Amino acid sequence: MREKAKLLDKESIHRSLMRIAHEILEKNKGTQDLCLIGVRSRGAYLAVRLSACIQQIENTGLPVGILDITLYRDDLTLIAASPVVHKTEISFDINDKNLVLVDDVLYTGRTVRAALDALSDFGRPKSIQLAVLVDRGHRELPVRADYVGKNIPTAKNETVEVRLEEVDGVDEVVITEK
């Protein structure tokens, strides 16, 4: 894999998250009945960051949960012989709540489908909205994000890598080429 271009740096990631936070608050008319659920792993870190942005704007925090979708994937057998399943951490009731599902990259839509299936095991929210840092196109399922940090048209032979300080030691979004 060859790094082709750097698309976002630390500051532009923060600006994108702050803009998404404002859009979430505007669409939901505040924080009433609003919760964030991050798709493990990078979506979980982005959800925590979005919560901090909302805290900064509204001076009130939001419940943040972490969703592991491993067992709900339709490509589970292609990933690994023994996939690693992590813990889902949703310590609040999602019934009748407005959930914002947070992920790093929206591509085919299959991760979102798996996340929706997983969430149905936890209750019936009033609404589920989708926030992604990057939308790279090439959808296979009819999925559209409500909030997007950056739309990045890509070729099929390219990969969008979101690197976050919590996992990778640096905040950046890059395109790599196979």
Protein backbone atom coordinates (compact mmCIF):
# COMPACT_ATOMS: atom_id res chain seq x y z
CA MET A 1 0.00 0.00 0.00
CA ARG A 2 1.31 3.37 -1.06
CA GLU A 3 0.14 6.57 0.62
CA LYS A 4 -1.31 8.70 -2.16
CA ALA A 5 -2.63 11.82 -0.42
CA LYS A 6 -3.23 13.31 3.00
CA LEU A 7 -6.79 14.61 3.10
CA LEU A 8 -7.33 15.77 6.67
CA ASP A 9 -4.97 16.73 9.46
CA LYS A 10 -5.63 17.12 13.19
CA GLU A 11 -7.12 20.61 12.88
CA SER A 12 -9.39 19.76 9.94
CA ILE A 13 -10.65 16.62 11.73
CA HIS A 14 -11.52 18.76 14.77
CA ARG A 15 -13.24 21.39 12.59
CA SER A 16 -15.24 18.67 10.85
CA LEU A 17 -16.36 17.17 14.18
CA MET A 18 -17.28 20.60 15.54
CA ARG A 19 -19.37 21.30 12.41
CA ILE A 20 -21.07 17.90 12.69
CA ALA A 21 -21.81 18.62 16.37
CA HIS A 22 -23.52 21.90 15.42
CA GLU A 23 -25.52 20.14 12.69
CA ILE A 24 -26.63 17.40 15.11
CA LEU A 25 -27.77 19.99 17.66
CA GLU A 26 -29.60 22.00 15.02
CA LYS A 27 -31.42 19.00 13.53
CA ASN A 28 -32.38 17.61 16.96
CA LYS A 29 -33.19 21.02 18.47
CA GLY A 30 -30.77 20.50 21.34
CA THR A 31 -29.71 17.50 23.38
CA GLN A 32 -33.08 16.23 24.68
CA ASP A 33 -33.29 12.41 24.26
CA LEU A 34 -30.09 12.44 22.19
CA CYS A 35 -27.42 9.72 22.47
CA LEU A 36 -24.26 8.86 20.54
CA ILE A 37 -23.27 5.30 19.62
CA GLY A 38 -19.82 4.78 18.13
CA VAL A 39 -19.04 1.77 15.96
CA ARG A 40 -15.97 0.06 17.38
CA SER A 41 -13.21 0.99 17.04
CA ARG A 42 -12.54 4.36 15.43
CA GLY A 43 -16.23 5.31 15.42
CA ALA A 44 -16.21 4.92 19.19
CA TYR A 45 -13.36 7.42 19.56
CA LEU A 46 -15.09 9.83 17.18
CA ALA A 47 -18.32 9.54 19.21
CA VAL A 48 -16.44 10.51 22.37
CA ARG A 49 -14.92 13.47 20.54
CA LEU A 50 -18.34 14.51 19.20
CA SER A 51 -19.72 14.36 22.73
CA ALA A 52 -16.90 16.66 23.87
CA CYS A 53 -17.73 19.09 21.05
CA ILE A 54 -21.40 19.08 22.04
CA GLN A 55 -20.39 19.57 25.69
CA GLN A 56 -18.35 22.60 24.61
CA ILE A 57 -21.28 24.07 22.62
CA GLU A 58 -24.25 23.24 24.89
CA ASN A 59 -22.51 22.84 28.24
CA THR A 60 -24.19 19.45 28.65
CA GLY A 61 -22.87 15.99 27.95
CA LEU A 62 -24.50 13.20 25.99
CA PRO A 63 -24.54 9.50 26.78
CA VAL A 64 -22.00 7.69 24.58
CA GLY A 65 -22.12 3.99 23.81
CA ILE A 66 -19.78 1.68 21.93
CA LEU A 67 -21.16 -0.91 19.53
CA ASP A 68 -19.27 -3.99 18.36
CA ILE A 69 -20.75 -5.28 15.10
CA THR A 70 -18.41 -8.22 14.50
CA LEU A 71 -21.04 -10.95 14.82
CA TYR A 72 -23.52 -9.02 12.66
CA ARG A 73 -21.27 -8.68 9.61
CA ASP A 74 -22.29 -10.45 6.42
CA ASP A 75 -18.63 -11.04 5.56
CA LEU A 76 -17.69 -12.59 8.91
CA THR A 77 -16.23 -15.74 7.38
CA LEU A 78 -14.09 -13.65 5.01
CA ILE A 79 -12.52 -11.57 7.78
CA ALA A 80 -10.79 -14.30 9.77
CA ALA A 81 -11.17 -17.90 10.82
CA SER A 82 -11.62 -16.74 14.43
CA PRO A 83 -12.78 -13.11 14.46
CA VAL A 84 -12.11 -11.12 17.61
CA VAL A 85 -15.34 -10.01 19.27
CA HIS A 86 -15.15 -7.03 21.60
CA LYS A 87 -17.62 -5.84 24.17
CA THR A 88 -20.56 -3.63 23.26
CA GLU A 89 -20.84 -0.93 25.92
CA ILE A 90 -24.25 0.74 25.96
CA SER A 91 -25.05 1.55 29.57
CA PHE A 92 -28.25 3.49 28.90
CA ASP A 93 -31.71 2.71 27.57
CA ILE A 94 -31.99 3.44 23.83
CA ASN A 95 -35.78 3.07 23.67
CA ASP A 96 -37.47 6.24 22.38
CA LYS A 97 -34.12 8.02 22.07
CA ASN A 98 -32.68 9.82 19.07
CA LEU A 99 -29.48 7.91 18.36
CA VAL A 100 -26.60 9.18 16.30
CA LEU A 101 -24.57 6.26 15.01
CA VAL A 102 -20.97 7.38 14.52
CA ASP A 103 -18.40 5.75 12.24
CA ASP A 104 -15.16 6.79 10.59
CA VAL A 105 -15.72 5.89 6.91
CA LEU A 106 -18.89 5.22 4.97
CA TYR A 107 -18.17 2.99 1.98
CA THR A 108 -20.47 0.14 0.87
CA GLY A 109 -23.03 0.63 3.66
CA ARG A 110 -22.58 -2.91 4.99
CA THR A 111 -21.11 -1.75 8.31
CA VAL A 112 -24.12 0.49 8.85
CA ARG A 113 -26.50 -2.40 8.05
CA ALA A 114 -24.69 -4.57 10.60
CA ALA A 115 -24.84 -1.76 13.17
CA LEU A 116 -28.59 -1.34 12.65
CA ASP A 117 -29.07 -5.08 13.15
CA ALA A 118 -26.98 -4.99 16.33
CA LEU A 119 -28.84 -1.97 17.72
CA SER A 120 -32.17 -3.74 17.31
CA ASP A 121 -31.04 -6.17 20.03
CA PHE A 122 -30.85 -3.27 22.50
CA GLY A 123 -34.24 -1.68 21.94
CA ARG A 124 -36.27 0.51 19.66
CA PRO A 125 -34.96 4.05 19.34
CA LYS A 126 -37.18 6.92 18.20
CA SER A 127 -34.73 7.60 15.36
CA ILE A 128 -31.28 6.59 14.17
CA GLN A 129 -29.12 9.12 12.39
CA LEU A 130 -25.71 8.48 10.85
CA ALA A 131 -22.61 10.63 11.28
CA VAL A 132 -19.37 9.77 9.48
CA LEU A 133 -16.06 11.55 9.27
CA VAL A 134 -15.55 10.48 5.63
CA ASP A 135 -17.97 9.39 2.91
CA ARG A 136 -15.97 7.79 0.10
CA GLY A 137 -18.86 6.63 -2.09
CA HIS A 138 -19.24 3.23 -3.83
CA ARG A 139 -22.41 2.25 -1.97
CA GLU A 140 -23.73 -1.30 -2.31
CA LEU A 141 -26.72 -0.70 -0.03
CA PRO A 142 -29.17 2.23 0.07
CA VAL A 143 -27.48 4.05 2.96
CA ARG A 144 -26.83 7.78 3.26
CA ALA A 145 -25.20 9.67 6.11
CA ASP A 146 -27.07 12.50 7.81
CA TYR A 147 -23.81 14.19 8.82
CA VAL A 148 -20.56 14.01 6.85
CA GLY A 149 -17.21 15.53 7.75
CA LYS A 150 -15.82 15.24 4.23
CA ASN A 151 -16.97 13.67 0.98
CA ILE A 152 -13.98 12.08 -0.74
CA PRO A 153 -14.50 10.54 -4.19
CA THR A 154 -12.26 7.49 -4.45
CA ALA A 155 -11.34 4.79 -6.92
CA LYS A 156 -12.06 1.16 -6.10
CA ASN A 157 -8.32 0.41 -5.80
CA GLU A 158 -7.91 3.12 -3.14
CA THR A 159 -8.45 2.86 0.60
CA VAL A 160 -9.33 5.68 2.98
CA GLU A 161 -7.47 5.34 6.27
CA VAL A 162 -8.66 7.31 9.28
CA ARG A 163 -5.83 7.44 11.79
CA LEU A 164 -6.68 8.64 15.26
CA GLU A 165 -4.34 9.57 18.07
CA GLU A 166 -6.04 7.14 20.48
CA VAL A 167 -5.20 4.17 18.23
CA ASP A 168 -2.53 5.26 15.76
CA GLY A 169 -0.70 8.04 17.59
CA VAL A 170 -1.66 10.65 14.96
CA ASP A 171 -4.82 12.37 13.72
CA GLU A 172 -5.06 12.27 9.93
CA VAL A 173 -7.04 10.90 7.02
CA VAL A 174 -5.08 9.56 4.07
CA ILE A 175 -5.79 7.77 0.81
CA THR A 176 -3.65 4.77 0.10
CA GLU A 177 -3.42 2.91 -3.16
CA LYS A 178 -3.08 -0.83 -3.67
